[in-house]
Amino acid sequence: MSRDDMSQNDLHSLKDDIDYLRQISEEGRHAPPMFGPVLVAAALIFGTASAGQWALAAGLIALSPWAALWLWIGAGGVFAVALTLILRRMRHQSGYNSLRNTAVGSAWSAIGFLIFAVWLSLVAMGFSSGDWSAMRVMPSLVFAAYGAAWTIAATMNARPWMNAVALICFGGAVALGLTSGMSEGYLVFALLLALGALLPGLVLMRQQHRAQAKAA
């Protein structure tokens, strides 16, 4: 192969790389946020679990003292299955690998692992010490983490309303601190899930549906 042939191949390869990068850029520019279904699933599943724990704490349901722990373990298992199915479906949708969706998805994944790791550590502390009072910090931690994730999402997607949701989550973390140790706190947690995950998630799903319909 001559030097001229090699240079021609290099030019074609460079052109292909530039076209690929341009395609990714265009796809990312118009790709809507795609994490709405995950938020809706989380709100419904963990909101139901929180309402169930409120019923246990208020004495409306008489079960084993371990019922609350198994309730949340069950909710976590159901969410893991739902998340797997949602992500499997999302991978086949246009825009899933865009820079914005990849960055925001990574942020929410990191937040999820953080919440799970802290929950496991507090459960371990409960078993080792017999004192489960440290678990009261979990609701506030969850919404402080949600606020951080929404802040990142707002920056990456240039959507100011997401900053408002972040503020609701940060304020909710404080409100949950005020209701710590009260059975009503679980209802506040469920309400905040509706405001900080369910409703925004439904808005994102609607926007995604409109964007995909327009692209089609």
C-alpha atoms as a PDB file:
ATOM      1  CA  MET A   1       0.000   0.000   0.000  1.00  0.00           C
ATOM      2  CA  SER A   2       1.395   3.375  -1.063  1.00  0.00           C
ATOM      3  CA  ARG A   3       1.737   6.402   1.186  1.00  0.00           C
ATOM      4  CA  ASP A   4      -1.037   8.149  -0.778  1.00  0.00           C
ATOM      5  CA  ASP A   5      -3.389   5.202  -0.160  1.00  0.00           C
ATOM      6  CA  MET A   6      -2.603   5.279   3.542  1.00  0.00           C
ATOM      7  CA  SER A   7      -3.282   9.015   3.710  1.00  0.00           C
ATOM      8  CA  GLN A   8      -6.586   8.531   1.895  1.00  0.00           C
ATOM      9  CA  ASN A   9      -7.624   5.838   4.380  1.00  0.00           C
ATOM     10  CA  ASP A  10      -6.654   8.095   7.273  1.00  0.00           C
ATOM     11  CA  LEU A  11      -8.810  10.878   5.839  1.00  0.00           C
ATOM     12  CA  HIS A  12     -11.787   8.536   5.457  1.00  0.00           C
ATOM     13  CA  SER A  13     -11.297   7.284   9.025  1.00  0.00           C
ATOM     14  CA  LEU A  14     -11.097  10.846  10.337  1.00  0.00           C
ATOM     15  CA  LYS A  15     -14.242  11.800   8.413  1.00  0.00           C
ATOM     16  CA  ASP A  16     -16.092   8.788   9.855  1.00  0.00           C
ATOM     17  CA  ASP A  17     -15.020   9.778  13.368  1.00  0.00           C
ATOM     18  CA  ILE A  18     -16.184  13.368  12.862  1.00  0.00           C
ATOM     19  CA  ASP A  19     -19.538  12.192  11.468  1.00  0.00           C
ATOM     20  CA  TYR A  20     -19.973   9.890  14.473  1.00  0.00           C
ATOM     21  CA  LEU A  21     -19.213  12.671  16.941  1.00  0.00           C
ATOM     22  CA  ARG A  22     -21.586  15.013  15.087  1.00  0.00           C
ATOM     23  CA  GLN A  23     -24.327  12.373  15.242  1.00  0.00           C
ATOM     24  CA  ILE A  24     -23.850  11.934  19.005  1.00  0.00           C
ATOM     25  CA  SER A  25     -23.875  15.709  19.471  1.00  0.00           C
ATOM     26  CA  GLU A  26     -27.092  16.151  17.494  1.00  0.00           C
ATOM     27  CA  GLU A  27     -28.744  13.253  19.302  1.00  0.00           C
ATOM     28  CA  GLY A  28     -27.755  14.649  22.707  1.00  0.00           C
ATOM     29  CA  ARG A  29     -28.933  18.142  21.824  1.00  0.00           C
ATOM     30  CA  HIS A  30     -32.478  17.009  21.118  1.00  0.00           C
ATOM     31  CA  ALA A  31     -32.726  14.013  23.454  1.00  0.00           C
ATOM     32  CA  PRO A  32     -35.281  14.570  26.239  1.00  0.00           C
ATOM     33  CA  PRO A  33     -34.524  13.502  29.835  1.00  0.00           C
ATOM     34  CA  MET A  34     -35.348   9.808  30.134  1.00  0.00           C
ATOM     35  CA  PHE A  35     -35.294   9.134  33.868  1.00  0.00           C
ATOM     36  CA  GLY A  36     -39.005   9.858  34.413  1.00  0.00           C
ATOM     37  CA  PRO A  37     -40.157   6.204  34.542  1.00  0.00           C
ATOM     38  CA  VAL A  38     -37.534   5.395  37.188  1.00  0.00           C
ATOM     39  CA  LEU A  39     -38.755   8.241  39.402  1.00  0.00           C
ATOM     40  CA  VAL A  40     -42.393   7.210  39.005  1.00  0.00           C
ATOM     41  CA  ALA A  41     -41.590   3.610  39.920  1.00  0.00           C
ATOM     42  CA  ALA A  42     -39.545   4.684  42.949  1.00  0.00           C
ATOM     43  CA  ALA A  43     -42.282   7.028  44.170  1.00  0.00           C
ATOM     44  CA  LEU A  44     -45.052   4.456  43.848  1.00  0.00           C
ATOM     45  CA  ILE A  45     -43.117   1.559  45.380  1.00  0.00           C
ATOM     46  CA  PHE A  46     -41.407   3.356  48.253  1.00  0.00           C
ATOM     47  CA  GLY A  47     -44.371   5.652  48.835  1.00  0.00           C
ATOM     48  CA  THR A  48     -46.538   2.565  49.346  1.00  0.00           C
ATOM     49  CA  ALA A  49     -43.925   1.106  51.706  1.00  0.00           C
ATOM     50  CA  SER A  50     -43.847   4.359  53.680  1.00  0.00           C
ATOM     51  CA  ALA A  51     -47.637   4.368  53.997  1.00  0.00           C
ATOM     52  CA  GLY A  52     -47.428   0.768  55.173  1.00  0.00           C
ATOM     53  CA  GLN A  53     -44.878   1.654  57.829  1.00  0.00           C
ATOM     54  CA  TRP A  54     -47.099   4.518  58.962  1.00  0.00           C
ATOM     55  CA  ALA A  55     -49.922   2.009  59.454  1.00  0.00           C
ATOM     56  CA  LEU A  56     -47.569  -0.193  61.491  1.00  0.00           C
ATOM     57  CA  ALA A  57     -46.236   2.721  63.575  1.00  0.00           C
ATOM     58  CA  ALA A  58     -49.739   4.079  64.226  1.00  0.00           C
ATOM     59  CA  GLY A  59     -50.901   0.675  65.421  1.00  0.00           C
ATOM     60  CA  LEU A  60     -53.452   0.253  62.638  1.00  0.00           C
ATOM     61  CA  ILE A  61     -51.855  -3.078  61.707  1.00  0.00           C
ATOM     62  CA  ALA A  62     -50.568  -5.451  64.377  1.00  0.00           C
ATOM     63  CA  LEU A  63     -47.634  -7.464  63.043  1.00  0.00           C
ATOM     64  CA  SER A  64     -44.195  -8.623  64.141  1.00  0.00           C
ATOM     65  CA  PRO A  65     -41.731  -5.891  65.191  1.00  0.00           C
ATOM     66  CA  TRP A  66     -39.636  -7.043  62.227  1.00  0.00           C
ATOM     67  CA  ALA A  67     -42.451  -6.348  59.772  1.00  0.00           C
ATOM     68  CA  ALA A  68     -41.166  -2.847  58.946  1.00  0.00           C
ATOM     69  CA  LEU A  69     -37.722  -4.181  58.034  1.00  0.00           C
ATOM     70  CA  TRP A  70     -39.193  -6.847  55.748  1.00  0.00           C
ATOM     71  CA  LEU A  71     -41.522  -4.255  54.262  1.00  0.00           C
ATOM     72  CA  TRP A  72     -38.597  -2.153  53.064  1.00  0.00           C
ATOM     73  CA  ILE A  73     -36.595  -5.182  51.944  1.00  0.00           C
ATOM     74  CA  GLY A  74     -39.590  -6.238  49.867  1.00  0.00           C
ATOM     75  CA  ALA A  75     -39.975  -2.738  48.445  1.00  0.00           C
ATOM     76  CA  GLY A  76     -36.294  -2.712  47.510  1.00  0.00           C
ATOM     77  CA  GLY A  77     -36.655  -6.060  45.746  1.00  0.00           C
ATOM     78  CA  VAL A  78     -39.700  -4.912  43.787  1.00  0.00           C
ATOM     79  CA  PHE A  79     -37.924  -1.705  42.776  1.00  0.00           C
ATOM     80  CA  ALA A  80     -34.842  -3.636  41.637  1.00  0.00           C
ATOM     81  CA  VAL A  81     -37.014  -5.740  39.316  1.00  0.00           C
ATOM     82  CA  ALA A  82     -38.887  -2.668  38.037  1.00  0.00           C
ATOM     83  CA  LEU A  83     -35.623  -0.781  37.471  1.00  0.00           C
ATOM     84  CA  THR A  84     -34.150  -3.668  35.484  1.00  0.00           C
ATOM     85  CA  LEU A  85     -37.192  -3.811  33.205  1.00  0.00           C
ATOM     86  CA  ILE A  86     -37.287  -0.024  32.751  1.00  0.00           C
ATOM     87  CA  LEU A  87     -33.590   0.223  31.862  1.00  0.00           C
ATOM     88  CA  ARG A  88     -33.852  -2.724  29.476  1.00  0.00           C
ATOM     89  CA  ARG A  89     -36.617  -0.875  27.626  1.00  0.00           C
ATOM     90  CA  MET A  90     -34.840   2.477  27.702  1.00  0.00           C
ATOM     91  CA  ARG A  91     -31.644   1.100  26.145  1.00  0.00           C
ATOM     92  CA  HIS A  92     -33.483   0.649  22.852  1.00  0.00           C
ATOM     93  CA  GLN A  93     -34.754   4.233  22.751  1.00  0.00           C
ATOM     94  CA  SER A  94     -33.102   7.065  20.856  1.00  0.00           C
ATOM     95  CA  GLY A  95     -31.163   9.418  23.088  1.00  0.00           C
ATOM     96  CA  TYR A  96     -30.422   6.905  25.826  1.00  0.00           C
ATOM     97  CA  ASN A  97     -26.647   7.187  25.246  1.00  0.00           C
ATOM     98  CA  SER A  98     -26.626  10.970  24.907  1.00  0.00           C
ATOM     99  CA  LEU A  99     -24.190  12.874  27.101  1.00  0.00           C
ATOM    100  CA  ARG A 100     -26.982  14.483  29.134  1.00  0.00           C
ATOM    101  CA  ASN A 101     -28.864  11.269  29.839  1.00  0.00           C
ATOM    102  CA  THR A 102     -25.659   9.387  30.594  1.00  0.00           C
ATOM    103  CA  ALA A 103     -24.518  12.052  33.085  1.00  0.00           C
ATOM    104  CA  VAL A 104     -27.897  12.394  34.795  1.00  0.00           C
ATOM    105  CA  GLY A 105     -28.388   8.630  34.844  1.00  0.00           C
ATOM    106  CA  SER A 106     -24.981   8.230  36.492  1.00  0.00           C
ATOM    107  CA  ALA A 107     -25.912  10.843  39.095  1.00  0.00           C
ATOM    108  CA  TRP A 108     -29.161   9.082  39.999  1.00  0.00           C
ATOM    109  CA  SER A 109     -27.393   5.698  40.071  1.00  0.00           C
ATOM    110  CA  ALA A 110     -24.733   7.071  42.422  1.00  0.00           C
ATOM    111  CA  ILE A 111     -27.441   8.543  44.660  1.00  0.00           C
ATOM    112  CA  GLY A 112     -29.267   5.218  44.694  1.00  0.00           C
ATOM    113  CA  PHE A 113     -26.148   3.290  45.699  1.00  0.00           C
ATOM    114  CA  LEU A 114     -25.370   5.890  48.370  1.00  0.00           C
ATOM    115  CA  ILE A 115     -28.852   5.544  49.891  1.00  0.00           C
ATOM    116  CA  PHE A 116     -28.644   1.742  49.787  1.00  0.00           C
ATOM    117  CA  ALA A 117     -25.162   1.661  51.328  1.00  0.00           C
ATOM    118  CA  VAL A 118     -26.167   3.993  54.167  1.00  0.00           C
ATOM    119  CA  TRP A 119     -29.352   1.976  54.788  1.00  0.00           C
ATOM    120  CA  LEU A 120     -27.341  -1.253  54.992  1.00  0.00           C
ATOM    121  CA  SER A 121     -24.838   0.338  57.375  1.00  0.00           C
ATOM    122  CA  LEU A 122     -27.641   1.563  59.659  1.00  0.00           C
ATOM    123  CA  VAL A 123     -29.262  -1.880  59.612  1.00  0.00           C
ATOM    124  CA  ALA A 124     -25.887  -3.377  60.561  1.00  0.00           C
ATOM    125  CA  MET A 125     -25.601  -0.842  63.397  1.00  0.00           C
ATOM    126  CA  GLY A 126     -29.089  -1.812  64.594  1.00  0.00           C
ATOM    127  CA  PHE A 127     -28.270  -5.498  64.671  1.00  0.00           C
ATOM    128  CA  SER A 128     -24.911  -4.990  66.368  1.00  0.00           C
ATOM    129  CA  SER A 129     -26.057  -2.515  69.034  1.00  0.00           C
ATOM    130  CA  GLY A 130     -29.757  -3.295  69.397  1.00  0.00           C
ATOM    131  CA  ASP A 131     -30.425   0.429  69.025  1.00  0.00           C
ATOM    132  CA  TRP A 132     -32.374   1.272  65.861  1.00  0.00           C
ATOM    133  CA  SER A 133     -32.797   4.997  66.533  1.00  0.00           C
ATOM    134  CA  ALA A 134     -30.137   5.884  63.940  1.00  0.00           C
ATOM    135  CA  MET A 135     -32.560   4.725  61.237  1.00  0.00           C
ATOM    136  CA  ARG A 136     -34.505   7.940  61.821  1.00  0.00           C
ATOM    137  CA  VAL A 137     -31.932   9.804  59.750  1.00  0.00           C
ATOM    138  CA  MET A 138     -32.750   7.816  56.584  1.00  0.00           C
ATOM    139  CA  PRO A 139     -35.770   9.838  55.346  1.00  0.00           C
ATOM    140  CA  SER A 140     -33.866  13.126  55.599  1.00  0.00           C
ATOM    141  CA  LEU A 141     -30.808  11.632  53.932  1.00  0.00           C
ATOM    142  CA  VAL A 142     -32.921  10.297  51.062  1.00  0.00           C
ATOM    143  CA  PHE A 143     -34.362  13.701  50.235  1.00  0.00           C
ATOM    144  CA  ALA A 144     -31.083  15.533  50.673  1.00  0.00           C
ATOM    145  CA  ALA A 145     -29.664  13.074  48.111  1.00  0.00           C
ATOM    146  CA  TYR A 146     -32.671  13.600  45.833  1.00  0.00           C
ATOM    147  CA  GLY A 147     -32.077  17.339  46.012  1.00  0.00           C
ATOM    148  CA  ALA A 148     -28.467  16.865  44.908  1.00  0.00           C
ATOM    149  CA  ALA A 149     -29.520  14.668  41.978  1.00  0.00           C
ATOM    150  CA  TRP A 150     -32.162  17.170  40.847  1.00  0.00           C
ATOM    151  CA  THR A 151     -29.576  19.969  40.993  1.00  0.00           C
ATOM    152  CA  ILE A 152     -27.316  18.008  38.641  1.00  0.00           C
ATOM    153  CA  ALA A 153     -30.261  17.202  36.372  1.00  0.00           C
ATOM    154  CA  ALA A 154     -31.241  20.881  36.210  1.00  0.00           C
ATOM    155  CA  THR A 155     -27.704  21.891  35.219  1.00  0.00           C
ATOM    156  CA  MET A 156     -27.311  19.182  32.567  1.00  0.00           C
ATOM    157  CA  ASN A 157     -30.745  19.700  31.000  1.00  0.00           C
ATOM    158  CA  ALA A 158     -31.035  23.499  31.402  1.00  0.00           C
ATOM    159  CA  ARG A 159     -34.503  23.191  32.937  1.00  0.00           C
ATOM    160  CA  PRO A 160     -35.017  25.735  35.758  1.00  0.00           C
ATOM    161  CA  TRP A 161     -38.095  23.950  37.114  1.00  0.00           C
ATOM    162  CA  MET A 162     -35.836  21.085  38.178  1.00  0.00           C
ATOM    163  CA  ASN A 163     -34.076  23.493  40.539  1.00  0.00           C
ATOM    164  CA  ALA A 164     -37.468  24.139  42.155  1.00  0.00           C
ATOM    165  CA  VAL A 165     -37.921  20.393  42.653  1.00  0.00           C
ATOM    166  CA  ALA A 166     -34.423  20.260  44.170  1.00  0.00           C
ATOM    167  CA  LEU A 167     -35.404  22.973  46.660  1.00  0.00           C
ATOM    168  CA  ILE A 168     -38.553  21.018  47.575  1.00  0.00           C
ATOM    169  CA  CYS A 169     -36.379  17.979  48.273  1.00  0.00           C
ATOM    170  CA  PHE A 170     -33.873  19.928  50.377  1.00  0.00           C
ATOM    171  CA  GLY A 171     -36.708  21.538  52.315  1.00  0.00           C
ATOM    172  CA  GLY A 172     -38.341  18.144  52.679  1.00  0.00           C
ATOM    173  CA  ALA A 173     -35.180  16.785  54.280  1.00  0.00           C
ATOM    174  CA  VAL A 174     -35.528  19.446  56.987  1.00  0.00           C
ATOM    175  CA  ALA A 175     -39.266  18.776  57.404  1.00  0.00           C
ATOM    176  CA  LEU A 176     -38.549  15.080  57.861  1.00  0.00           C
ATOM    177  CA  GLY A 177     -36.056  15.984  60.569  1.00  0.00           C
ATOM    178  CA  LEU A 178     -38.796  17.870  62.380  1.00  0.00           C
ATOM    179  CA  THR A 179     -41.146  14.861  62.198  1.00  0.00           C
ATOM    180  CA  SER A 180     -38.457  12.315  63.113  1.00  0.00           C
ATOM    181  CA  GLY A 181     -39.792   9.726  65.543  1.00  0.00           C
ATOM    182  CA  MET A 182     -43.417  10.584  64.761  1.00  0.00           C
ATOM    183  CA  SER A 183     -45.638   8.128  62.896  1.00  0.00           C
ATOM    184  CA  GLU A 184     -46.883  11.023  60.760  1.00  0.00           C
ATOM    185  CA  GLY A 185     -43.374  11.387  59.435  1.00  0.00           C
ATOM    186  CA  TYR A 186     -43.954   8.387  57.161  1.00  0.00           C
ATOM    187  CA  LEU A 187     -46.926  10.148  55.589  1.00  0.00           C
ATOM    188  CA  VAL A 188     -44.781  13.252  55.081  1.00  0.00           C
ATOM    189  CA  PHE A 189     -42.196  11.028  53.396  1.00  0.00           C
ATOM    190  CA  ALA A 190     -44.835   9.586  51.051  1.00  0.00           C
ATOM    191  CA  LEU A 191     -46.111  13.081  50.251  1.00  0.00           C
ATOM    192  CA  LEU A 192     -42.614  14.312  49.475  1.00  0.00           C
ATOM    193  CA  LEU A 193     -42.082  11.331  47.167  1.00  0.00           C
ATOM    194  CA  ALA A 194     -45.163  12.476  45.276  1.00  0.00           C
ATOM    195  CA  LEU A 195     -43.810  16.036  45.017  1.00  0.00           C
ATOM    196  CA  GLY A 196     -40.149  15.208  44.450  1.00  0.00           C
ATOM    197  CA  ALA A 197     -40.395  12.103  42.270  1.00  0.00           C
ATOM    198  CA  LEU A 198     -43.879  11.079  41.115  1.00  0.00           C
ATOM    199  CA  LEU A 199     -45.170  14.372  39.671  1.00  0.00           C
ATOM    200  CA  PRO A 200     -41.826  15.437  38.113  1.00  0.00           C
ATOM    201  CA  GLY A 201     -41.407  11.919  36.748  1.00  0.00           C
ATOM    202  CA  LEU A 202     -44.820  12.096  35.070  1.00  0.00           C
ATOM    203  CA  VAL A 203     -43.901  15.491  33.578  1.00  0.00           C
ATOM    204  CA  LEU A 204     -40.674  14.047  32.174  1.00  0.00           C
ATOM    205  CA  MET A 205     -42.492  11.046  30.728  1.00  0.00           C
ATOM    206  CA  ARG A 206     -44.977  13.359  29.007  1.00  0.00           C
ATOM    207  CA  GLN A 207     -42.176  15.503  27.588  1.00  0.00           C
ATOM    208  CA  GLN A 208     -40.332  12.414  26.382  1.00  0.00           C
ATOM    209  CA  HIS A 209     -43.468  11.084  24.684  1.00  0.00           C
ATOM    210  CA  ARG A 210     -43.993  14.425  22.919  1.00  0.00           C
ATOM    211  CA  ALA A 211     -40.383  14.583  21.762  1.00  0.00           C
ATOM    212  CA  GLN A 212     -40.482  11.047  20.386  1.00  0.00           C
ATOM    213  CA  ALA A 213     -43.809  11.673  18.646  1.00  0.00           C
ATOM    214  CA  LYS A 214     -42.393  14.847  17.072  1.00  0.00           C
ATOM    215  CA  ALA A 215     -39.259  13.018  15.928  1.00  0.00           C
ATOM    216  CA  ALA A 216     -41.375  10.282  14.353  1.00  0.00           C
END
